[in-house]
């Protein structure tokens, strides 16, 4: 499992983030509007070093990385959606 990704938040939409990790890999991370708004509220300086907690959903036809603002938000979503981490 990918526990979290730390890096520069390059873009934010209503349901996704793009984060450039310190190792140079860009990650497309799906998220809720609530999570996106929390990252939007950060200053441009704070966005240069964000930490996004993640859950990787691996299905036969897709691998989707879901992002959360903090561990509590991730735990609530994992429990409510019966995702095993």
N, C-alpha and C. Protein backbone atom coordinates (compact mmCIF):
# COMPACT_ATOMS: atom_id res chain seq x y z
N UNK A 1 0.84 -1.19 0.00
CA UNK A 1 0.00 0.00 0.00
C UNK A 1 0.88 1.24 0.00
N UNK A 2 0.42 2.25 -0.68
CA UNK A 2 1.09 3.56 -0.63
C UNK A 2 0.42 4.33 0.50
N UNK A 3 1.13 4.54 1.60
CA UNK A 3 0.55 5.19 2.77
C UNK A 3 0.28 6.68 2.52
N UNK A 4 1.25 7.37 1.95
CA UNK A 4 1.10 8.81 1.71
C UNK A 4 2.10 9.24 0.65
N UNK A 5 1.79 10.35 0.01
CA UNK A 5 2.69 10.94 -0.97
C UNK A 5 2.98 12.37 -0.53
N UNK A 6 4.26 12.71 -0.51
CA UNK A 6 4.67 14.05 -0.11
C UNK A 6 5.31 14.71 -1.32
N UNK A 7 4.94 15.97 -1.53
CA UNK A 7 5.54 16.69 -2.65
C UNK A 7 4.84 18.01 -2.92
N UNK A 8 5.07 18.52 -4.11
CA UNK A 8 4.54 19.81 -4.55
C UNK A 8 3.19 19.58 -5.21
N UNK A 9 2.14 20.23 -4.71
CA UNK A 9 0.80 20.12 -5.30
C UNK A 9 0.75 21.00 -6.54
N UNK A 10 0.73 20.37 -7.72
CA UNK A 10 0.79 21.11 -8.98
C UNK A 10 -0.57 21.63 -9.42
N UNK A 11 -1.62 20.85 -9.21
CA UNK A 11 -2.95 21.30 -9.61
C UNK A 11 -4.01 20.67 -8.72
N UNK A 12 -5.14 21.39 -8.64
CA UNK A 12 -6.27 20.94 -7.82
C UNK A 12 -7.54 21.18 -8.62
N UNK A 13 -8.36 20.13 -8.77
CA UNK A 13 -9.69 20.29 -9.35
C UNK A 13 -10.70 19.90 -8.27
N UNK A 14 -11.98 19.89 -8.62
CA UNK A 14 -12.99 19.55 -7.62
C UNK A 14 -12.92 18.10 -7.15
N UNK A 15 -12.26 17.24 -7.93
CA UNK A 15 -12.19 15.84 -7.51
C UNK A 15 -10.82 15.20 -7.71
N UNK A 16 -9.77 16.02 -7.84
CA UNK A 16 -8.45 15.43 -8.00
C UNK A 16 -7.33 16.40 -7.63
N UNK A 17 -6.18 15.81 -7.37
CA UNK A 17 -4.94 16.55 -7.11
C UNK A 17 -3.86 15.96 -8.01
N UNK A 18 -2.91 16.77 -8.43
CA UNK A 18 -1.71 16.26 -9.06
C UNK A 18 -0.55 16.69 -8.18
N UNK A 19 0.20 15.70 -7.70
CA UNK A 19 1.30 15.96 -6.77
C UNK A 19 2.59 15.47 -7.41
N UNK A 20 3.59 16.35 -7.46
CA UNK A 20 4.92 15.99 -7.92
C UNK A 20 5.74 15.59 -6.70
N UNK A 21 6.11 14.32 -6.63
CA UNK A 21 6.87 13.85 -5.47
C UNK A 21 8.30 14.36 -5.54
N UNK A 22 8.99 14.27 -4.42
CA UNK A 22 10.37 14.73 -4.35
C UNK A 22 11.28 13.89 -5.23
N UNK A 23 10.82 12.67 -5.60
CA UNK A 23 11.63 11.81 -6.47
C UNK A 23 11.37 12.09 -7.95
N UNK A 24 10.45 13.03 -8.25
CA UNK A 24 10.22 13.42 -9.63
C UNK A 24 9.04 12.74 -10.30
N UNK A 25 8.29 11.92 -9.59
CA UNK A 25 7.12 11.24 -10.16
C UNK A 25 5.88 12.07 -9.88
N UNK A 26 5.04 12.27 -10.92
CA UNK A 26 3.78 12.98 -10.74
C UNK A 26 2.68 11.95 -10.49
N UNK A 27 1.87 12.19 -9.47
CA UNK A 27 0.78 11.29 -9.13
C UNK A 27 -0.55 12.00 -9.36
N UNK A 28 -1.48 11.33 -10.05
CA UNK A 28 -2.85 11.81 -10.19
C UNK A 28 -3.64 11.13 -9.09
N UNK A 29 -4.22 11.91 -8.19
CA UNK A 29 -4.89 11.38 -7.01
C UNK A 29 -6.33 11.87 -7.00
N UNK A 30 -7.27 10.93 -7.02
CA UNK A 30 -8.68 11.30 -6.92
C UNK A 30 -9.01 11.62 -5.47
N UNK A 31 -9.91 12.59 -5.27
CA UNK A 31 -10.29 12.97 -3.91
C UNK A 31 -11.68 13.57 -3.92
N UNK A 32 -12.22 13.78 -2.74
CA UNK A 32 -13.53 14.40 -2.60
C UNK A 32 -13.39 15.92 -2.76
N UNK A 33 -14.50 16.58 -2.98
CA UNK A 33 -14.52 18.04 -3.05
C UNK A 33 -14.04 18.63 -1.73
N UNK A 34 -14.44 18.01 -0.61
CA UNK A 34 -14.02 18.48 0.71
C UNK A 34 -12.50 18.44 0.84
N UNK A 35 -11.89 17.36 0.41
CA UNK A 35 -10.43 17.23 0.48
C UNK A 35 -9.77 18.26 -0.44
N UNK A 36 -10.27 18.39 -1.65
CA UNK A 36 -9.71 19.37 -2.60
C UNK A 36 -9.76 20.77 -2.02
N UNK A 37 -10.86 21.11 -1.38
CA UNK A 37 -10.99 22.45 -0.79
C UNK A 37 -10.00 22.69 0.35
N UNK A 38 -9.67 21.65 1.10
CA UNK A 38 -8.68 21.80 2.17
C UNK A 38 -7.30 22.12 1.57
N UNK A 39 -6.96 21.48 0.46
CA UNK A 39 -5.68 21.77 -0.18
C UNK A 39 -5.70 23.14 -0.87
N UNK A 40 -6.86 23.53 -1.42
CA UNK A 40 -6.99 24.86 -2.02
C UNK A 40 -6.76 25.97 -0.99
N UNK A 41 -7.15 25.72 0.24
CA UNK A 41 -7.04 26.72 1.31
C UNK A 41 -5.60 26.96 1.74
N UNK A 42 -4.70 26.07 1.36
CA UNK A 42 -3.28 26.24 1.72
C UNK A 42 -2.66 27.38 0.92
N UNK A 43 -1.69 28.05 1.51
CA UNK A 43 -0.96 29.09 0.79
C UNK A 43 -0.11 28.45 -0.30
N UNK A 44 0.35 29.25 -1.25
CA UNK A 44 1.19 28.71 -2.32
C UNK A 44 2.47 28.12 -1.76
N UNK A 45 2.97 28.70 -0.69
CA UNK A 45 4.18 28.17 -0.05
C UNK A 45 3.90 26.80 0.60
N UNK A 46 2.74 26.68 1.27
CA UNK A 46 2.38 25.41 1.91
C UNK A 46 2.13 24.31 0.87
N UNK A 47 1.64 24.68 -0.30
CA UNK A 47 1.37 23.70 -1.37
C UNK A 47 2.65 23.09 -1.93
N UNK A 48 3.80 23.71 -1.65
CA UNK A 48 5.06 23.18 -2.16
C UNK A 48 5.51 21.93 -1.41
N UNK A 49 4.90 21.66 -0.26
CA UNK A 49 5.28 20.49 0.52
C UNK A 49 4.05 19.91 1.22
N UNK A 50 3.17 19.29 0.43
CA UNK A 50 1.96 18.69 1.01
C UNK A 50 2.19 17.21 1.27
N UNK A 51 1.37 16.67 2.14
CA UNK A 51 1.35 15.23 2.38
C UNK A 51 -0.09 14.78 2.16
N UNK A 52 -0.26 13.87 1.21
CA UNK A 52 -1.58 13.34 0.89
C UNK A 52 -1.62 11.88 1.32
N UNK A 53 -2.51 11.55 2.24
CA UNK A 53 -2.68 10.16 2.65
C UNK A 53 -3.50 9.45 1.58
N UNK A 54 -3.16 8.21 1.28
CA UNK A 54 -3.74 7.56 0.12
C UNK A 54 -4.25 6.15 0.40
N UNK A 55 -5.12 5.71 -0.50
CA UNK A 55 -5.56 4.32 -0.60
C UNK A 55 -5.51 3.98 -2.08
N UNK A 56 -4.88 2.86 -2.41
CA UNK A 56 -4.81 2.39 -3.79
C UNK A 56 -5.89 1.34 -3.99
N UNK A 57 -6.83 1.62 -4.89
CA UNK A 57 -7.91 0.69 -5.21
C UNK A 57 -7.52 -0.03 -6.50
N UNK A 58 -7.23 -1.32 -6.39
CA UNK A 58 -6.77 -2.09 -7.54
C UNK A 58 -7.89 -3.01 -7.99
N UNK A 59 -8.37 -2.77 -9.22
CA UNK A 59 -9.41 -3.62 -9.81
C UNK A 59 -8.86 -4.24 -11.09
N UNK A 60 -9.63 -5.10 -11.67
CA UNK A 60 -9.21 -5.77 -12.90
C UNK A 60 -8.97 -4.77 -14.03
N UNK A 61 -9.79 -3.72 -14.08
CA UNK A 61 -9.71 -2.78 -15.20
C UNK A 61 -9.05 -1.44 -14.87
N UNK A 62 -8.68 -1.22 -13.61
CA UNK A 62 -8.10 0.08 -13.26
C UNK A 62 -7.40 0.02 -11.91
N UNK A 63 -6.44 0.91 -11.76
CA UNK A 63 -5.81 1.16 -10.46
C UNK A 63 -6.02 2.64 -10.16
N UNK A 64 -6.72 2.93 -9.07
CA UNK A 64 -7.07 4.30 -8.74
C UNK A 64 -6.49 4.66 -7.38
N UNK A 65 -5.81 5.79 -7.34
CA UNK A 65 -5.23 6.28 -6.10
C UNK A 65 -6.17 7.34 -5.52
N UNK A 66 -6.69 7.08 -4.32
CA UNK A 66 -7.58 8.02 -3.66
C UNK A 66 -6.80 8.76 -2.58
N UNK A 67 -7.02 10.06 -2.46
CA UNK A 67 -6.29 10.88 -1.51
C UNK A 67 -7.17 11.48 -0.43
N UNK A 68 -6.55 11.67 0.74
CA UNK A 68 -7.24 12.22 1.91
C UNK A 68 -6.34 13.23 2.60
N UNK A 69 -6.94 14.22 3.24
CA UNK A 69 -6.17 15.30 3.87
C UNK A 69 -5.40 14.82 5.10
N UNK A 70 -6.00 13.90 5.86
CA UNK A 70 -5.32 13.40 7.05
C UNK A 70 -5.71 11.93 7.28
N UNK A 71 -5.06 11.31 8.24
CA UNK A 71 -5.29 9.89 8.51
C UNK A 71 -6.71 9.63 9.01
N UNK A 72 -7.26 10.55 9.77
CA UNK A 72 -8.62 10.38 10.29
C UNK A 72 -9.63 10.32 9.15
N UNK A 73 -9.50 11.23 8.18
CA UNK A 73 -10.40 11.24 7.03
C UNK A 73 -10.28 9.93 6.24
N UNK A 74 -9.05 9.45 6.08
CA UNK A 74 -8.84 8.20 5.35
C UNK A 74 -9.50 7.04 6.09
N UNK A 75 -9.29 6.95 7.39
CA UNK A 75 -9.85 5.86 8.18
C UNK A 75 -11.37 5.86 8.11
N UNK A 76 -11.99 7.01 8.22
CA UNK A 76 -13.45 7.11 8.14
C UNK A 76 -13.94 6.60 6.79
N UNK A 77 -13.27 7.01 5.71
CA UNK A 77 -13.69 6.59 4.37
C UNK A 77 -13.42 5.11 4.13
N UNK A 78 -12.33 4.62 4.63
CA UNK A 78 -12.03 3.19 4.47
C UNK A 78 -13.07 2.35 5.18
N UNK A 79 -13.40 2.73 6.41
CA UNK A 79 -14.40 1.96 7.18
C UNK A 79 -15.79 2.05 6.55
N UNK A 80 -16.18 3.22 6.09
CA UNK A 80 -17.53 3.39 5.53
C UNK A 80 -17.68 2.73 4.17
N UNK A 81 -16.57 2.54 3.45
CA UNK A 81 -16.64 1.90 2.12
C UNK A 81 -16.13 0.47 2.14
N UNK A 82 -15.84 -0.04 3.33
CA UNK A 82 -15.34 -1.41 3.50
C UNK A 82 -14.11 -1.71 2.65
N UNK A 83 -13.21 -0.76 2.56
CA UNK A 83 -11.95 -0.96 1.86
C UNK A 83 -10.95 -1.53 2.85
N UNK A 84 -10.27 -2.58 2.46
CA UNK A 84 -9.27 -3.19 3.35
C UNK A 84 -7.91 -2.61 3.04
N UNK A 85 -7.24 -2.06 4.07
CA UNK A 85 -5.89 -1.54 3.87
C UNK A 85 -4.91 -2.32 4.71
